[in-house]
Amino acid sequence: MMEIASNIFTALENNALPTYINVNEPNTERKALVRSITNHPDARTYLLILNAGFVETLMPGEDTLISKGFSQEEAKSTTSAFENYCKEHKDEIEALRLIYNNNGEPITYAMLKDLENKLKWVNSKFNKSLLWNSYTIINPQSVKRYSTRDEKEALTNIIQLVRFAFHQIEKLESLYPSAGQRFNLWCGQIQRPLSSKQIELMHEIQNFIASNGYCAITEIKENDKSLAAQLIKAFAGKEMANEALSSLAQFIIYRKVD
């Protein structure tokens, strides 16, 4: 850290840095000054938190905003750039296309990871936690803050961020906390009655879907072979099990019943 401080001091003393415009510019010279921080993950995490707008970490995964003035302008710049990116690429990136069309097509874990990686590649501020914080800074009344680590880390938060960017939803909130309620509604609305065993097994899947998006038996098997086998047995075959998984995922993500 002393090396970083020394580099910054020298650059400022010698007026070696170009004029700062905003966070969405390359800022190559400034990034070079802190390149050595790549070997210190704890320091990187702390700087990212500060960069989101002077936040205080109360517990692992839970941030509380304590000052808005510092990052209001940067938050607006970041969210504006994010919204423009979503609009410009909604026809070429599969996850963006499906979220924009909002017609119930499966949005899978692989699609969401692809979008997450593309966003991070374009702009380091385009990660779901920092975008969520940025929207909180700009419009706290329209954003529901995370209450648990699982909620904060849910990959499906990207879906909600994009929906918010497209103005498809009025309030930015994670799909994860409402998974249990939506599961109960799904059980009551599907045409085909479920056995107690089927309900028990699908209940185990609800949070996985709410966190990761659409999944099939193949994905379940990668995480829990026993659960995958039980699902296949309970639904009398892989095809029927996949149909049930797809139906539940569609209801949790789109609130639509097949």
C-alpha atoms as a PDB file:
ATOM      1  CA  MET A   1       0.000   0.000   0.000  1.00  0.00           C
ATOM      2  CA  MET A   2       2.949   2.319   0.636  1.00  0.00           C
ATOM      3  CA  GLU A   3       4.028   1.751  -2.956  1.00  0.00           C
ATOM      4  CA  ILE A   4       0.605   2.755  -4.235  1.00  0.00           C
ATOM      5  CA  ALA A   5       0.527   5.851  -2.025  1.00  0.00           C
ATOM      6  CA  SER A   6       3.996   6.851  -3.210  1.00  0.00           C
ATOM      7  CA  ASN A   7       3.046   6.385  -6.883  1.00  0.00           C
ATOM      8  CA  ILE A   8      -0.075   8.510  -6.478  1.00  0.00           C
ATOM      9  CA  PHE A   9       1.782  11.243  -4.599  1.00  0.00           C
ATOM     10  CA  THR A  10       4.515  11.418  -7.255  1.00  0.00           C
ATOM     11  CA  ALA A  11       1.998  11.534 -10.114  1.00  0.00           C
ATOM     12  CA  LEU A  12       0.050  14.343  -8.458  1.00  0.00           C
ATOM     13  CA  GLU A  13       3.170  16.284  -7.543  1.00  0.00           C
ATOM     14  CA  ASN A  14       4.429  16.121 -11.137  1.00  0.00           C
ATOM     15  CA  ASN A  15       0.994  16.800 -12.701  1.00  0.00           C
ATOM     16  CA  ALA A  16       1.456  13.578 -14.672  1.00  0.00           C
ATOM     17  CA  LEU A  17      -2.221  12.653 -14.898  1.00  0.00           C
ATOM     18  CA  PRO A  18      -4.579  13.738 -17.700  1.00  0.00           C
ATOM     19  CA  THR A  19      -7.793  15.578 -16.836  1.00  0.00           C
ATOM     20  CA  TYR A  20     -10.341  13.322 -15.148  1.00  0.00           C
ATOM     21  CA  ILE A  21     -13.673  13.138 -17.000  1.00  0.00           C
ATOM     22  CA  ASN A  22     -15.667  10.343 -15.360  1.00  0.00           C
ATOM     23  CA  VAL A  23     -15.439   6.725 -14.223  1.00  0.00           C
ATOM     24  CA  ASN A  24     -16.638   5.346 -17.563  1.00  0.00           C
ATOM     25  CA  GLU A  25     -13.530   6.602 -19.416  1.00  0.00           C
ATOM     26  CA  PRO A  26     -10.480   4.266 -19.778  1.00  0.00           C
ATOM     27  CA  ASN A  27      -8.508   6.158 -17.084  1.00  0.00           C
ATOM     28  CA  THR A  28      -5.462   4.087 -18.048  1.00  0.00           C
ATOM     29  CA  GLU A  29      -2.888   6.244 -16.261  1.00  0.00           C
ATOM     30  CA  ARG A  30      -4.814   6.212 -12.989  1.00  0.00           C
ATOM     31  CA  LYS A  31      -5.353   2.452 -13.145  1.00  0.00           C
ATOM     32  CA  ALA A  32      -1.622   1.950 -13.676  1.00  0.00           C
ATOM     33  CA  LEU A  33      -0.923   3.681 -10.363  1.00  0.00           C
ATOM     34  CA  VAL A  34      -2.835   1.014  -8.439  1.00  0.00           C
ATOM     35  CA  ARG A  35      -1.939  -2.015 -10.573  1.00  0.00           C
ATOM     36  CA  SER A  36      -0.076  -3.664  -7.681  1.00  0.00           C
ATOM     37  CA  ILE A  37      -3.341  -3.962  -5.772  1.00  0.00           C
ATOM     38  CA  THR A  38      -4.172  -7.015  -7.903  1.00  0.00           C
ATOM     39  CA  ASN A  39      -2.154  -9.037  -5.392  1.00  0.00           C
ATOM     40  CA  HIS A  40      -4.255  -7.841  -2.441  1.00  0.00           C
ATOM     41  CA  PRO A  41      -7.897  -9.031  -2.758  1.00  0.00           C
ATOM     42  CA  ASP A  42      -8.981  -7.601   0.607  1.00  0.00           C
ATOM     43  CA  ALA A  43      -7.781  -4.148  -0.391  1.00  0.00           C
ATOM     44  CA  ARG A  44      -9.515  -4.444  -3.779  1.00  0.00           C
ATOM     45  CA  THR A  45     -12.793  -5.325  -2.101  1.00  0.00           C
ATOM     46  CA  TYR A  46     -12.537  -2.370   0.253  1.00  0.00           C
ATOM     47  CA  LEU A  47     -11.763   0.068  -2.551  1.00  0.00           C
ATOM     48  CA  LEU A  48     -14.720  -1.209  -4.578  1.00  0.00           C
ATOM     49  CA  ILE A  49     -16.978  -0.598  -1.608  1.00  0.00           C
ATOM     50  CA  LEU A  50     -15.650   2.927  -1.170  1.00  0.00           C
ATOM     51  CA  ASN A  51     -16.001   3.537  -4.890  1.00  0.00           C
ATOM     52  CA  ALA A  52     -19.692   2.639  -4.680  1.00  0.00           C
ATOM     53  CA  GLY A  53     -20.249   5.660  -2.472  1.00  0.00           C
ATOM     54  CA  PHE A  54     -18.781   5.773   1.049  1.00  0.00           C
ATOM     55  CA  VAL A  55     -20.492   2.734   2.537  1.00  0.00           C
ATOM     56  CA  GLU A  56     -20.052   1.121   5.891  1.00  0.00           C
ATOM     57  CA  THR A  57     -19.895  -2.672   6.112  1.00  0.00           C
ATOM     58  CA  LEU A  58     -22.037  -3.784   9.037  1.00  0.00           C
ATOM     59  CA  MET A  59     -21.723  -7.515   8.419  1.00  0.00           C
ATOM     60  CA  PRO A  60     -20.291  -9.675   5.610  1.00  0.00           C
ATOM     61  CA  GLY A  61     -22.262  -8.971   2.465  1.00  0.00           C
ATOM     62  CA  GLU A  62     -24.363  -6.161   3.927  1.00  0.00           C
ATOM     63  CA  ASP A  63     -23.579  -2.538   3.114  1.00  0.00           C
ATOM     64  CA  THR A  64     -25.231   0.573   4.496  1.00  0.00           C
ATOM     65  CA  LEU A  65     -24.977   3.909   2.732  1.00  0.00           C
ATOM     66  CA  ILE A  66     -23.678   6.683   4.982  1.00  0.00           C
ATOM     67  CA  SER A  67     -22.990   9.469   2.485  1.00  0.00           C
ATOM     68  CA  LYS A  68     -24.582  10.216  -0.876  1.00  0.00           C
ATOM     69  CA  GLY A  69     -22.913  13.431  -1.921  1.00  0.00           C
ATOM     70  CA  PHE A  70     -19.548  11.894  -2.771  1.00  0.00           C
ATOM     71  CA  SER A  71     -20.766   9.554  -5.505  1.00  0.00           C
ATOM     72  CA  GLN A  72     -24.100  10.976  -6.713  1.00  0.00           C
ATOM     73  CA  GLU A  73     -22.606  12.178  -9.992  1.00  0.00           C
ATOM     74  CA  GLU A  74     -20.633   8.995 -10.587  1.00  0.00           C
ATOM     75  CA  ALA A  75     -23.655   6.852  -9.745  1.00  0.00           C
ATOM     76  CA  LYS A  76     -25.721   8.705 -12.352  1.00  0.00           C
ATOM     77  CA  SER A  77     -22.930   8.383 -14.894  1.00  0.00           C
ATOM     78  CA  THR A  78     -22.545   4.665 -14.241  1.00  0.00           C
ATOM     79  CA  THR A  79     -26.255   3.806 -14.380  1.00  0.00           C
ATOM     80  CA  SER A  80     -26.709   5.923 -17.500  1.00  0.00           C
ATOM     81  CA  ALA A  81     -23.834   4.107 -19.203  1.00  0.00           C
ATOM     82  CA  PHE A  82     -25.278   0.756 -18.091  1.00  0.00           C
ATOM     83  CA  GLU A  83     -28.722   1.589 -19.457  1.00  0.00           C
ATOM     84  CA  ASN A  84     -27.251   2.720 -22.764  1.00  0.00           C
ATOM     85  CA  TYR A  85     -25.230  -0.492 -23.023  1.00  0.00           C
ATOM     86  CA  CYS A  86     -28.345  -2.610 -22.415  1.00  0.00           C
ATOM     87  CA  LYS A  87     -30.290  -0.735 -25.091  1.00  0.00           C
ATOM     88  CA  GLU A  88     -27.460  -0.878 -27.624  1.00  0.00           C
ATOM     89  CA  HIS A  89     -26.838  -4.620 -27.208  1.00  0.00           C
ATOM     90  CA  LYS A  90     -30.342  -5.972 -26.537  1.00  0.00           C
ATOM     91  CA  ASP A  91     -30.477  -7.660 -29.942  1.00  0.00           C
ATOM     92  CA  GLU A  92     -27.059  -9.323 -29.882  1.00  0.00           C
ATOM     93  CA  ILE A  93     -26.637 -10.599 -26.302  1.00  0.00           C
ATOM     94  CA  GLU A  94     -29.034 -13.466 -25.652  1.00  0.00           C
ATOM     95  CA  ALA A  95     -29.803 -12.699 -22.010  1.00  0.00           C
ATOM     96  CA  LEU A  96     -30.493  -9.032 -22.794  1.00  0.00           C
ATOM     97  CA  ARG A  97     -32.732 -10.026 -25.698  1.00  0.00           C
ATOM     98  CA  LEU A  98     -34.804 -12.398 -23.565  1.00  0.00           C
ATOM     99  CA  ILE A  99     -35.128  -9.960 -20.680  1.00  0.00           C
ATOM    100  CA  TYR A 100     -36.102  -7.141 -23.051  1.00  0.00           C
ATOM    101  CA  ASN A 101     -38.691  -9.252 -24.907  1.00  0.00           C
ATOM    102  CA  ASN A 102     -40.091 -10.505 -21.582  1.00  0.00           C
ATOM    103  CA  ASN A 103     -42.070 -13.290 -23.252  1.00  0.00           C
ATOM    104  CA  GLY A 104     -41.264 -16.155 -20.876  1.00  0.00           C
ATOM    105  CA  GLU A 105     -38.343 -17.750 -22.702  1.00  0.00           C
ATOM    106  CA  PRO A 106     -35.880 -19.585 -20.423  1.00  0.00           C
ATOM    107  CA  ILE A 107     -33.056 -17.435 -19.056  1.00  0.00           C
ATOM    108  CA  THR A 108     -30.391 -19.906 -17.993  1.00  0.00           C
ATOM    109  CA  TYR A 109     -27.409 -19.735 -15.664  1.00  0.00           C
ATOM    110  CA  ALA A 110     -25.046 -19.900 -18.659  1.00  0.00           C
ATOM    111  CA  MET A 111     -26.758 -16.925 -20.308  1.00  0.00           C
ATOM    112  CA  LEU A 112     -26.605 -14.870 -17.123  1.00  0.00           C
ATOM    113  CA  LYS A 113     -22.923 -15.681 -16.550  1.00  0.00           C
ATOM    114  CA  ASP A 114     -22.181 -14.700 -20.146  1.00  0.00           C
ATOM    115  CA  LEU A 115     -23.935 -11.366 -19.624  1.00  0.00           C
ATOM    116  CA  GLU A 116     -22.225 -10.840 -16.264  1.00  0.00           C
ATOM    117  CA  ASN A 117     -18.794 -11.412 -17.830  1.00  0.00           C
ATOM    118  CA  LYS A 118     -19.527  -9.140 -20.787  1.00  0.00           C
ATOM    119  CA  LEU A 119     -20.665  -6.356 -18.463  1.00  0.00           C
ATOM    120  CA  LYS A 120     -17.547  -6.613 -16.301  1.00  0.00           C
ATOM    121  CA  TRP A 121     -15.358  -6.627 -19.399  1.00  0.00           C
ATOM    122  CA  VAL A 122     -16.925  -3.428 -20.718  1.00  0.00           C
ATOM    123  CA  ASN A 123     -16.830  -1.549 -17.416  1.00  0.00           C
ATOM    124  CA  SER A 124     -15.623  -2.662 -13.990  1.00  0.00           C
ATOM    125  CA  LYS A 125     -18.508  -0.695 -12.465  1.00  0.00           C
ATOM    126  CA  PHE A 126     -20.993  -2.895 -14.307  1.00  0.00           C
ATOM    127  CA  ASN A 127     -21.103  -5.595 -11.629  1.00  0.00           C
ATOM    128  CA  LYS A 128     -24.417  -6.322  -9.981  1.00  0.00           C
ATOM    129  CA  SER A 129     -23.539  -5.164  -6.461  1.00  0.00           C
ATOM    130  CA  LEU A 130     -22.074  -1.831  -7.536  1.00  0.00           C
ATOM    131  CA  LEU A 131     -24.910  -1.175  -9.976  1.00  0.00           C
ATOM    132  CA  TRP A 132     -27.402  -1.946  -7.202  1.00  0.00           C
ATOM    133  CA  ASN A 133     -25.597   0.490  -4.907  1.00  0.00           C
ATOM    134  CA  SER A 134     -25.524   3.121  -7.639  1.00  0.00           C
ATOM    135  CA  TYR A 135     -29.284   2.925  -8.151  1.00  0.00           C
ATOM    136  CA  THR A 136     -29.717   3.098  -4.369  1.00  0.00           C
ATOM    137  CA  ILE A 137     -27.706   6.319  -4.269  1.00  0.00           C
ATOM    138  CA  ILE A 138     -29.735   7.894  -7.079  1.00  0.00           C
ATOM    139  CA  ASN A 139     -33.220   6.747  -6.108  1.00  0.00           C
ATOM    140  CA  PRO A 140     -33.335   4.974  -2.715  1.00  0.00           C
ATOM    141  CA  GLN A 141     -37.144   4.952  -2.652  1.00  0.00           C
ATOM    142  CA  SER A 142     -37.230   2.693  -5.719  1.00  0.00           C
ATOM    143  CA  VAL A 143     -34.617   0.172  -4.568  1.00  0.00           C
ATOM    144  CA  LYS A 144     -34.984  -2.568  -1.980  1.00  0.00           C
ATOM    145  CA  ARG A 145     -31.627  -3.207  -0.318  1.00  0.00           C
ATOM    146  CA  TYR A 146     -30.333  -6.728   0.249  1.00  0.00           C
ATOM    147  CA  SER A 147     -31.160  -8.360   3.584  1.00  0.00           C
ATOM    148  CA  THR A 148     -29.023 -11.526   3.315  1.00  0.00           C
ATOM    149  CA  ARG A 149     -25.791 -12.666   1.683  1.00  0.00           C
ATOM    150  CA  ASP A 150     -27.680 -15.192  -0.503  1.00  0.00           C
ATOM    151  CA  GLU A 151     -29.923 -12.420  -1.768  1.00  0.00           C
ATOM    152  CA  LYS A 152     -26.955 -10.182  -2.550  1.00  0.00           C
ATOM    153  CA  GLU A 153     -25.053 -12.914  -4.399  1.00  0.00           C
ATOM    154  CA  ALA A 154     -27.996 -14.144  -6.512  1.00  0.00           C
ATOM    155  CA  LEU A 155     -27.010 -14.156 -10.181  1.00  0.00           C
ATOM    156  CA  THR A 156     -30.621 -13.369 -11.115  1.00  0.00           C
ATOM    157  CA  ASN A 157     -30.118  -9.873  -9.689  1.00  0.00           C
ATOM    158  CA  ILE A 158     -28.768  -9.131 -13.165  1.00  0.00           C
ATOM    159  CA  ILE A 159     -32.245  -9.831 -14.563  1.00  0.00           C
ATOM    160  CA  GLN A 160     -33.760  -7.291 -12.205  1.00  0.00           C
ATOM    161  CA  LEU A 161     -31.100  -4.688 -12.949  1.00  0.00           C
ATOM    162  CA  VAL A 162     -31.717  -5.010 -16.683  1.00  0.00           C
ATOM    163  CA  ARG A 163     -35.490  -4.880 -16.196  1.00  0.00           C
ATOM    164  CA  PHE A 164     -35.035  -1.727 -14.143  1.00  0.00           C
ATOM    165  CA  ALA A 165     -32.786  -0.273 -16.840  1.00  0.00           C
ATOM    166  CA  PHE A 166     -35.476  -1.026 -19.442  1.00  0.00           C
ATOM    167  CA  HIS A 167     -38.139   0.504 -17.135  1.00  0.00           C
ATOM    168  CA  GLN A 168     -40.029  -2.792 -17.078  1.00  0.00           C
ATOM    169  CA  ILE A 169     -40.289  -2.663 -13.277  1.00  0.00           C
ATOM    170  CA  GLU A 170     -40.868   0.320 -10.995  1.00  0.00           C
ATOM    171  CA  LYS A 171     -38.992  -1.086  -8.001  1.00  0.00           C
ATOM    172  CA  LEU A 172     -35.582  -2.746  -8.069  1.00  0.00           C
ATOM    173  CA  GLU A 173     -35.751  -5.796  -5.823  1.00  0.00           C
ATOM    174  CA  SER A 174     -34.224  -9.261  -5.908  1.00  0.00           C
ATOM    175  CA  LEU A 175     -36.226 -12.306  -7.005  1.00  0.00           C
ATOM    176  CA  TYR A 176     -34.651 -14.361  -4.230  1.00  0.00           C
ATOM    177  CA  PRO A 177     -36.693 -13.276  -1.159  1.00  0.00           C
ATOM    178  CA  SER A 178     -40.054 -13.904  -2.852  1.00  0.00           C
ATOM    179  CA  ALA A 179     -39.163 -17.404  -4.093  1.00  0.00           C
ATOM    180  CA  GLY A 180     -40.986 -19.127  -1.231  1.00  0.00           C
ATOM    181  CA  GLN A 181     -44.171 -17.145  -1.747  1.00  0.00           C
ATOM    182  CA  ARG A 182     -44.080 -17.682  -5.490  1.00  0.00           C
ATOM    183  CA  PHE A 183     -43.485 -21.395  -4.971  1.00  0.00           C
ATOM    184  CA  ASN A 184     -46.674 -21.653  -2.902  1.00  0.00           C
ATOM    185  CA  LEU A 185     -48.626 -19.737  -5.546  1.00  0.00           C
ATOM    186  CA  TRP A 186     -47.193 -21.962  -8.271  1.00  0.00           C
ATOM    187  CA  CYS A 187     -48.289 -25.104  -6.426  1.00  0.00           C
ATOM    188  CA  GLY A 188     -51.831 -23.746  -6.283  1.00  0.00           C
ATOM    189  CA  GLN A 189     -52.035 -22.613  -9.903  1.00  0.00           C
ATOM    190  CA  ILE A 190     -50.508 -25.399 -11.974  1.00  0.00           C
ATOM    191  CA  GLN A 191     -53.053 -27.621 -13.704  1.00  0.00           C
ATOM    192  CA  ARG A 192     -51.391 -30.918 -12.823  1.00  0.00           C
ATOM    193  CA  PRO A 193     -51.702 -31.760  -9.098  1.00  0.00           C
ATOM    194  CA  LEU A 194     -48.455 -32.586  -7.308  1.00  0.00           C
ATOM    195  CA  SER A 195     -47.832 -35.369  -4.836  1.00  0.00           C
ATOM    196  CA  SER A 196     -46.442 -34.534  -1.403  1.00  0.00           C
ATOM    197  CA  LYS A 197     -43.060 -35.963  -2.475  1.00  0.00           C
ATOM    198  CA  GLN A 198     -42.993 -33.867  -5.639  1.00  0.00           C
ATOM    199  CA  ILE A 199     -43.809 -30.733  -3.637  1.00  0.00           C
ATOM    200  CA  GLU A 200     -41.072 -31.563  -1.127  1.00  0.00           C
ATOM    201  CA  LEU A 201     -38.451 -31.986  -3.853  1.00  0.00           C
ATOM    202  CA  MET A 202     -39.487 -28.919  -5.843  1.00  0.00           C
ATOM    203  CA  HIS A 203     -39.416 -26.880  -2.651  1.00  0.00           C
ATOM    204  CA  GLU A 204     -35.713 -27.737  -2.379  1.00  0.00           C
ATOM    205  CA  ILE A 205     -35.164 -26.306  -5.873  1.00  0.00           C
ATOM    206  CA  GLN A 206     -36.955 -22.975  -5.486  1.00  0.00           C
ATOM    207  CA  ASN A 207     -34.032 -20.985  -4.080  1.00  0.00           C
ATOM    208  CA  PHE A 208     -31.603 -22.513  -6.584  1.00  0.00           C
ATOM    209  CA  ILE A 209     -33.799 -21.241  -9.425  1.00  0.00           C
ATOM    210  CA  ALA A 210     -34.340 -17.855  -7.772  1.00  0.00           C
ATOM    211  CA  SER A 211     -30.577 -17.464  -7.500  1.00  0.00           C
ATOM    212  CA  ASN A 212     -29.339 -19.009 -10.761  1.00  0.00           C
ATOM    213  CA  GLY A 213     -32.155 -18.860 -13.315  1.00  0.00           C
ATOM    214  CA  TYR A 214     -33.716 -21.675 -15.324  1.00  0.00           C
ATOM    215  CA  CYS A 215     -32.292 -25.113 -14.651  1.00  0.00           C
ATOM    216  CA  ALA A 216     -32.853 -28.657 -15.869  1.00  0.00           C
ATOM    217  CA  ILE A 217     -32.022 -32.057 -14.408  1.00  0.00           C
ATOM    218  CA  THR A 218     -28.545 -31.786 -15.940  1.00  0.00           C
ATOM    219  CA  GLU A 219     -27.744 -28.683 -13.853  1.00  0.00           C
ATOM    220  CA  ILE A 220     -29.306 -30.198 -10.725  1.00  0.00           C
ATOM    221  CA  LYS A 221     -27.197 -33.319 -11.199  1.00  0.00           C
ATOM    222  CA  GLU A 222     -23.995 -31.253 -11.304  1.00  0.00           C
ATOM    223  CA  ASN A 223     -24.798 -29.863  -7.857  1.00  0.00           C
ATOM    224  CA  ASP A 224     -26.679 -32.735  -6.220  1.00  0.00           C
ATOM    225  CA  LYS A 225     -26.839 -36.144  -7.921  1.00  0.00           C
ATOM    226  CA  SER A 226     -29.113 -37.569  -5.242  1.00  0.00           C
ATOM    227  CA  LEU A 227     -31.678 -34.793  -5.649  1.00  0.00           C
ATOM    228  CA  ALA A 228     -31.618 -35.170  -9.430  1.00  0.00           C
ATOM    229  CA  ALA A 229     -32.258 -38.906  -9.110  1.00  0.00           C
ATOM    230  CA  GLN A 230     -35.117 -38.314  -6.683  1.00  0.00           C
ATOM    231  CA  LEU A 231     -36.722 -35.791  -9.031  1.00  0.00           C
ATOM    232  CA  ILE A 232     -36.541 -38.186 -11.970  1.00  0.00           C
ATOM    233  CA  LYS A 233     -38.109 -40.930  -9.865  1.00  0.00           C
ATOM    234  CA  ALA A 234     -40.819 -38.700  -8.374  1.00  0.00           C
ATOM    235  CA  PHE A 235     -41.874 -37.376 -11.789  1.00  0.00           C
ATOM    236  CA  ALA A 236     -41.594 -40.773 -13.504  1.00  0.00           C
ATOM    237  CA  GLY A 237     -38.862 -39.719 -15.896  1.00  0.00           C
ATOM    238  CA  LYS A 238     -36.400 -37.003 -16.814  1.00  0.00           C
ATOM    239  CA  GLU A 239     -38.728 -35.336 -19.321  1.00  0.00           C
ATOM    240  CA  MET A 240     -41.531 -34.790 -16.816  1.00  0.00           C
ATOM    241  CA  ALA A 241     -39.060 -33.608 -14.189  1.00  0.00           C
ATOM    242  CA  ASN A 242     -37.641 -31.052 -16.623  1.00  0.00           C
ATOM    243  CA  GLU A 243     -41.154 -29.850 -17.463  1.00  0.00           C
ATOM    244  CA  ALA A 244     -41.847 -29.258 -13.776  1.00  0.00           C
ATOM    245  CA  LEU A 245     -38.537 -27.431 -13.317  1.00  0.00           C
ATOM    246  CA  SER A 246     -39.230 -25.249 -16.346  1.00  0.00           C
ATOM    247  CA  SER A 247     -42.726 -24.431 -15.108  1.00  0.00           C
ATOM    248  CA  LEU A 248     -41.495 -23.433 -11.647  1.00  0.00           C
ATOM    249  CA  ALA A 249     -38.651 -21.363 -13.097  1.00  0.00           C
ATOM    250  CA  GLN A 250     -41.017 -19.530 -15.409  1.00  0.00           C
ATOM    251  CA  PHE A 251     -43.268 -18.655 -12.483  1.00  0.00           C
ATOM    252  CA  ILE A 252     -40.437 -17.484 -10.230  1.00  0.00           C
ATOM    253  CA  ILE A 253     -38.739 -15.417 -12.939  1.00  0.00           C
ATOM    254  CA  TYR A 254     -41.741 -14.269 -15.005  1.00  0.00           C
ATOM    255  CA  ARG A 255     -44.669 -15.146 -12.728  1.00  0.00           C
ATOM    256  CA  LYS A 256     -46.280 -17.036 -15.566  1.00  0.00           C
ATOM    257  CA  VAL A 257     -47.686 -20.571 -15.485  1.00  0.00           C
ATOM    258  CA  ASP A 258     -47.132 -22.954 -18.406  1.00  0.00           C
END
